[in-house]
Protein backbone atom coordinates (compact mmCIF):
# COMPACT_ATOMS: atom_id res chain seq x y z
CA MET A 1 0.00 0.00 0.00
CA ASN A 2 1.15 3.54 -0.72
CA GLU A 3 1.93 5.83 2.18
CA LEU A 4 -1.10 7.35 3.92
CA PRO A 5 -0.75 11.16 3.94
CA LEU A 6 -1.16 12.45 7.49
CA ASP A 7 -3.44 15.35 6.54
CA GLN A 8 -5.81 13.00 4.73
CA VAL A 9 -5.89 10.53 7.61
CA GLN A 10 -6.54 13.31 10.13
CA THR A 11 -9.29 14.68 7.92
CA LEU A 12 -11.03 11.30 7.78
CA LEU A 13 -10.85 11.10 11.57
CA ALA A 14 -12.34 14.59 11.89
CA VAL A 15 -15.25 13.64 9.61
CA VAL A 16 -15.96 10.56 11.73
CA ASP A 17 -15.72 12.44 15.03
CA GLU A 18 -17.79 15.41 13.85
CA GLY A 19 -20.34 13.31 11.94
CA THR A 20 -20.52 15.38 8.73
CA PHE A 21 -18.18 16.92 6.16
CA ASP A 22 -19.40 20.44 7.02
CA ALA A 23 -18.76 19.97 10.75
CA ALA A 24 -15.32 18.52 10.05
CA ALA A 25 -14.52 21.49 7.83
CA ALA A 26 -15.43 23.87 10.65
CA ALA A 27 -13.29 21.92 13.14
CA LEU A 28 -10.30 21.89 10.76
CA HIS A 29 -10.82 25.52 9.59
CA VAL A 30 -10.96 24.52 5.92
CA THR A 31 -13.75 24.41 3.36
CA PRO A 32 -16.13 21.43 3.03
CA SER A 33 -14.79 21.02 -0.50
CA ALA A 34 -11.26 20.58 0.84
CA VAL A 35 -12.48 17.95 3.31
CA SER A 36 -14.29 16.07 0.54
CA GLN A 37 -11.23 16.19 -1.73
CA ARG A 38 -8.93 14.84 1.00
CA VAL A 39 -11.25 11.94 1.81
CA LYS A 40 -11.65 11.10 -1.88
CA ALA A 41 -7.89 11.24 -2.35
CA LEU A 42 -7.41 8.88 0.58
CA GLU A 43 -9.97 6.47 -0.85
CA GLN A 44 -8.21 6.56 -4.20
CA ARG A 45 -4.85 5.94 -2.55
CA THR A 46 -6.15 2.94 -0.58
CA GLY A 47 -8.40 1.69 -3.37
CA ARG A 48 -11.22 1.29 -0.83
CA VAL A 49 -14.44 3.07 0.05
CA LEU A 50 -13.81 4.37 3.57
CA LEU A 51 -17.03 6.24 4.37
CA LEU A 52 -20.73 5.82 3.72
CA ARG A 53 -21.98 9.34 3.02
CA SER A 54 -24.93 9.22 5.42
CA LYS A 55 -25.80 11.66 8.21
CA PRO A 56 -23.94 11.04 10.40
CA VAL A 57 -21.32 9.35 8.24
CA ARG A 58 -20.59 5.66 8.82
CA LEU A 59 -17.30 3.85 8.41
CA THR A 60 -16.80 0.84 6.21
CA GLU A 61 -14.58 -1.99 7.46
CA SER A 62 -11.66 -0.44 5.57
CA GLY A 63 -12.47 2.94 7.07
CA GLU A 64 -12.36 1.43 10.55
CA VAL A 65 -8.79 0.28 9.89
CA VAL A 66 -7.68 3.76 8.83
CA VAL A 67 -9.45 5.51 11.71
CA ARG A 68 -7.96 3.10 14.23
CA PHE A 69 -4.54 3.88 12.74
CA ALA A 70 -5.28 7.62 13.02
CA ARG A 71 -6.21 7.36 16.70
CA GLN A 72 -3.16 5.24 17.48
CA LEU A 73 -0.96 7.73 15.66
CA ALA A 74 -2.44 10.58 17.69
CA ARG A 75 -1.85 8.61 20.89
CA LEU A 76 1.78 7.94 19.99
CA GLU A 77 2.32 11.61 19.16
CA ARG A 78 0.88 12.68 22.49
CA ASP A 79 3.03 10.20 24.43
CA ALA A 80 6.13 11.32 22.56
CA ARG A 81 5.38 14.98 23.30
CA ALA A 82 4.89 14.14 26.97
CA GLU A 83 8.22 12.31 27.17
CA LEU A 84 9.92 15.28 25.51
CA GLY A 85 8.30 17.68 27.95
CA LEU A 86 6.33 19.37 25.20
CA ALA A 87 2.83 18.46 26.41
CA ALA A 88 0.79 21.00 28.32
CA GLU A 89 0.78 20.23 32.03
CA GLN A 90 -2.99 20.62 32.27
CA ASP A 91 -3.62 18.15 29.44
CA PRO A 92 -4.03 14.66 30.98
CA ALA A 93 -3.61 11.45 29.01
CA ARG A 94 -7.00 10.32 27.68
CA VAL A 95 -7.78 6.60 27.83
CA PRO A 96 -11.15 5.65 26.26
CA ILE A 97 -12.42 2.24 27.44
CA ALA A 98 -15.49 0.18 26.54
CA VAL A 99 -16.89 -1.75 29.52
CA ASN A 100 -20.09 -3.64 30.28
CA ALA A 101 -22.62 -2.20 32.74
CA ASP A 102 -22.30 -4.97 35.33
CA SER A 103 -18.53 -4.53 35.60
CA LEU A 104 -19.05 -0.78 35.91
CA ALA A 105 -21.53 -1.31 38.74
CA THR A 106 -19.35 -3.73 40.69
CA TRP A 107 -15.56 -3.90 40.42
CA PHE A 108 -14.38 -1.73 37.51
CA LEU A 109 -14.82 1.81 38.85
CA PRO A 110 -13.08 1.03 42.18
CA ALA A 111 -10.22 -0.37 40.09
CA LEU A 112 -9.80 2.92 38.23
CA THR A 113 -9.37 4.77 41.53
CA GLN A 114 -6.17 2.74 42.01
CA VAL A 115 -4.60 4.04 38.80
CA PRO A 116 -1.72 6.42 39.70
CA GLN A 117 -2.48 10.00 38.66
CA ASP A 118 1.08 11.23 38.25
CA PRO A 119 1.05 12.04 35.39
CA PRO A 120 -2.76 12.49 35.30
CA ILE A 121 -4.95 10.11 33.26
CA CYS A 122 -8.46 10.97 32.09
CA PHE A 123 -10.87 8.06 31.59
CA GLU A 124 -13.54 8.12 28.90
CA LEU A 125 -15.88 5.19 29.49
CA TYR A 126 -18.26 3.74 26.92
CA ARG A 127 -20.93 1.46 28.38
CA GLU A 128 -21.69 -1.48 26.11
CA ASP A 129 -22.67 -5.14 26.46
CA GLU A 130 -19.61 -7.35 26.95
CA SER A 131 -20.42 -9.24 23.74
CA HIS A 132 -20.37 -5.98 21.73
CA THR A 133 -17.53 -3.94 23.25
CA THR A 134 -15.06 -5.21 20.65
CA ALA A 135 -17.01 -3.33 17.98
CA LEU A 136 -15.84 -0.06 19.55
CA LEU A 137 -12.26 -1.35 19.47
CA ARG A 138 -12.63 -2.33 15.85
CA GLU A 139 -13.98 1.12 14.98
CA GLY A 140 -11.11 2.81 16.80
CA GLN A 141 -13.36 4.63 19.27
CA VAL A 142 -11.67 3.08 22.31
CA MET A 143 -8.16 1.96 23.19
CA ALA A 144 -9.26 -0.94 25.38
CA ALA A 145 -12.34 -2.97 26.26
CA VAL A 146 -13.69 -5.43 28.79
CA THR A 147 -15.21 -8.11 26.57
CA SER A 148 -16.46 -11.67 26.54
CA SER A 149 -14.54 -12.37 23.31
CA PRO A 150 -11.15 -14.12 23.62
CA ASP A 151 -10.35 -13.48 19.95
CA PRO A 152 -8.25 -10.31 19.60
CA VAL A 153 -9.49 -7.59 17.29
CA ALA A 154 -6.96 -6.88 14.54
CA GLY A 155 -4.15 -4.78 16.00
CA CYS A 156 -5.07 -5.69 19.58
CA THR A 157 -4.01 -8.11 22.30
CA ALA A 158 -6.37 -10.13 24.52
CA ARG A 159 -5.80 -10.99 28.18
CA ARG A 160 -8.07 -13.15 30.33
CA LEU A 161 -9.49 -11.38 33.39
CA GLY A 162 -11.64 -14.09 34.95
CA LEU A 163 -15.22 -15.28 35.28
CA ALA A 164 -18.11 -13.01 36.24
CA ARG A 165 -20.65 -15.15 38.09
CA TYR A 166 -24.39 -14.52 37.70
CA LEU A 167 -27.15 -16.01 39.85
CA ALA A 168 -30.74 -16.66 38.77
CA VAL A 169 -32.83 -14.90 41.42
CA ALA A 170 -36.32 -13.60 42.19
CA THR A 171 -38.25 -12.39 45.20
CA PRO A 172 -39.79 -15.07 47.43
CA GLU A 173 -43.25 -13.74 46.53
CA PHE A 174 -42.52 -13.93 42.79
CA ALA A 175 -41.19 -17.48 43.13
CA ALA A 176 -44.27 -18.57 45.10
CA ARG A 177 -46.56 -17.09 42.43
CA HIS A 178 -44.79 -18.08 39.21
CA LEU A 179 -42.28 -20.87 39.98
CA THR A 180 -44.21 -23.60 41.75
CA GLY A 181 -43.64 -26.53 39.37
CA ASP A 182 -40.79 -27.63 37.12
CA LEU A 183 -38.32 -24.73 37.12
CA ALA A 184 -37.36 -25.02 33.45
CA GLU A 185 -40.99 -25.06 32.32
CA ASP A 186 -41.98 -22.23 34.66
CA LEU A 187 -39.12 -19.98 33.51
CA CYS A 188 -40.28 -20.38 29.92
CA GLU A 189 -43.50 -18.61 30.91
CA ALA A 190 -42.63 -16.37 33.87
CA PRO A 191 -42.03 -12.60 33.45
CA THR A 192 -38.35 -11.89 32.90
CA VAL A 193 -36.15 -8.85 33.45
CA VAL A 194 -33.58 -8.22 30.68
CA PHE A 195 -31.02 -5.47 30.26
CA ASP A 196 -31.94 -4.61 26.67
CA ARG A 197 -33.09 -6.31 23.46
CA ARG A 198 -29.62 -7.76 22.90
CA ASP A 199 -29.41 -9.31 26.37
CA GLU A 200 -29.55 -13.08 25.88
CA LEU A 201 -28.18 -14.18 29.26
CA GLN A 202 -31.60 -15.17 30.63
CA ASP A 203 -32.35 -17.11 27.43
CA GLU A 204 -29.02 -18.91 27.67
CA PHE A 205 -29.79 -19.89 31.26
CA VAL A 206 -33.21 -21.31 30.36
CA ARG A 207 -31.76 -23.13 27.36
CA SER A 208 -29.20 -24.72 29.68
CA LEU A 209 -32.11 -26.13 31.70
CA THR A 210 -34.18 -27.21 28.70
CA ARG A 211 -31.26 -28.55 26.65
CA GLY A 212 -31.69 -25.81 24.09
CA GLN A 213 -35.39 -26.41 23.52
CA SER A 214 -36.69 -23.06 24.77
CA GLY A 215 -35.69 -19.64 26.04
CA ALA A 216 -37.10 -17.24 28.59
CA GLY A 217 -40.73 -16.13 28.49
CA ARG A 218 -42.21 -13.54 26.16
CA THR A 219 -43.07 -11.07 28.94
CA ARG A 220 -39.80 -9.16 29.16
CA HIS A 221 -39.16 -5.99 31.11
CA LEU A 222 -36.25 -4.00 29.65
CA VAL A 223 -34.19 -2.22 32.32
CA PRO A 224 -30.95 -0.88 30.74
CA ALA A 225 -29.01 -0.12 33.93
CA SER A 226 -27.17 -2.57 36.16
CA ASP A 227 -28.44 -1.22 39.50
CA GLY A 228 -31.88 -0.70 37.98
CA PHE A 229 -31.91 -4.29 36.73
CA ARG A 230 -31.14 -5.59 40.22
CA ASP A 231 -33.75 -3.29 41.75
CA ALA A 232 -36.39 -4.41 39.23
CA VAL A 233 -35.83 -8.04 40.17
CA ALA A 234 -35.85 -7.12 43.88
CA ALA A 235 -39.15 -5.29 43.35
CA GLY A 236 -40.73 -8.46 41.97
CA LEU A 237 -41.08 -7.31 38.38
CA GLY A 238 -39.61 -10.58 37.12
CA TRP A 239 -36.76 -13.01 37.58
CA GLY A 240 -33.29 -12.38 36.20
CA LEU A 241 -29.59 -13.17 36.34
CA VAL A 242 -27.90 -10.74 38.72
CA PRO A 243 -24.11 -10.52 39.30
CA GLU A 244 -23.19 -12.46 42.44
CA LEU A 245 -21.51 -9.35 43.83
CA GLN A 246 -24.84 -7.50 43.67
CA ALA A 247 -27.10 -10.42 44.59
CA ASP A 248 -25.32 -11.59 47.77
CA PRO A 249 -26.55 -8.81 50.13
CA LEU A 250 -30.15 -9.28 48.96
CA LEU A 251 -29.92 -13.05 49.30
CA ARG A 252 -28.59 -12.73 52.85
CA SER A 253 -31.40 -10.34 53.79
CA GLY A 254 -34.05 -12.63 52.32
CA ARG A 255 -35.25 -10.08 49.75
CA LEU A 256 -34.21 -12.47 46.99
CA VAL A 257 -34.03 -16.24 46.69
CA GLU A 258 -31.79 -18.21 44.37
CA LEU A 259 -33.71 -20.26 41.85
CA ALA A 260 -31.03 -22.80 40.95
CA PRO A 261 -28.22 -22.75 43.53
CA ALA A 262 -26.27 -25.46 41.71
CA ARG A 263 -26.51 -23.70 38.30
CA PRO A 264 -24.72 -20.34 38.35
CA MET A 265 -23.86 -18.71 35.01
CA ASP A 266 -20.15 -17.91 34.63
CA VAL A 267 -19.32 -15.38 31.91
CA PRO A 268 -15.64 -15.16 30.89
CA LEU A 269 -14.25 -11.64 30.63
CA TYR A 270 -11.15 -10.50 28.75
CA TRP A 271 -9.18 -7.28 28.46
CA GLN A 272 -8.43 -6.31 24.89
CA GLN A 273 -6.28 -3.30 24.04
CA TRP A 274 -4.36 -1.74 21.21
CA LYS A 275 -0.88 -3.08 20.49
CA LEU A 276 0.56 0.28 21.44
CA ASP A 277 3.51 1.22 23.62
CA SER A 278 1.55 3.72 25.69
CA PRO A 279 2.58 4.22 29.33
CA ALA A 280 -0.93 5.35 30.33
CA LEU A 281 -2.60 2.35 28.69
CA SER A 282 -0.09 -0.08 30.20
CA THR A 283 -0.67 1.36 33.67
CA VAL A 284 -4.44 1.04 33.37
CA ALA A 285 -4.17 -2.52 32.04
CA GLU A 286 -2.12 -3.70 35.01
CA VAL A 287 -4.43 -2.10 37.56
CA VAL A 288 -7.52 -3.57 35.87
CA ALA A 289 -5.97 -7.05 35.75
CA THR A 290 -5.06 -6.88 39.45
CA ALA A 291 -8.58 -5.76 40.44
CA ALA A 292 -10.20 -8.41 38.24
CA ALA A 293 -8.10 -11.13 39.88
CA LYS A 294 -9.63 -10.15 43.23
CA ALA A 295 -13.23 -9.61 42.07
CA LEU A 296 -13.71 -12.38 39.50
CA LEU A 297 -13.39 -16.15 39.64
CA ALA A 298 -10.20 -17.66 38.25
CA LYS A 299 -12.03 -20.83 37.17
CA PRO A 300 -15.47 -22.44 37.57
CA THR A 301 -16.02 -23.63 41.12
CA ARG A 302 -18.68 -25.81 42.71
CA ARG A 303 -20.94 -24.02 45.15
CA PRO A 304 -21.64 -25.48 48.60
């Protein structure tokens, strides 16, 4: 491939970040025509369509590669300037991370408080389901992600963090009303709490009981917040799979009961990050791995 001119690469990144050619032109202090010409020239040089001209614009797979390169280049430039003493003191290192809501609500935020702040690091967190966080890595929006995928995104490394354990729970009143017979059959009909329309954890649990024959019931309450999800289950709105770290206090108090004590759901989590020699990113990665080793299971374990 021919060399990628820096001004064209930076212009493509500006279009993606701003959403339109006009907005990118304003951010770069050039005309919209100049922005369009640079993007077209970059597409001709790569021989690939990089952008879908929608509003906002959308990247093609080839465009994702170039934008990821642009963000990594900007990160390397910033780190180099910092090492040379050329960076502004008030400008902290920015580390964008994609992380699932349950990790955010339990162990991940306390982990970030352990990251040394000399020099200062600014976190930019993107909340996304663990099965979809790699999409943000692939698009170049984040430098790292907590994900359920062990397969590294191109240009990234993957590191196992551990197992996040989920427990199937409901209120005693809900269980007495809806779950009085065969558990697998009852869960196929009982009201269910799910995080969003992409949340399949409850379906996977029911399929594990029915040998893949059926999923959770059709009455589904969507609660797209980790604490809200737990509270909805604790209010009796439906049954659901709650992280063990969140469920334990409610189980001990009797507000919730466990539906299948011998059948927890263990979801593997991984840390994926750019293959980039960035001191800030390396520091965050080590702190996250240490915190995960304390909060997550190292391997599946039998419950007493």
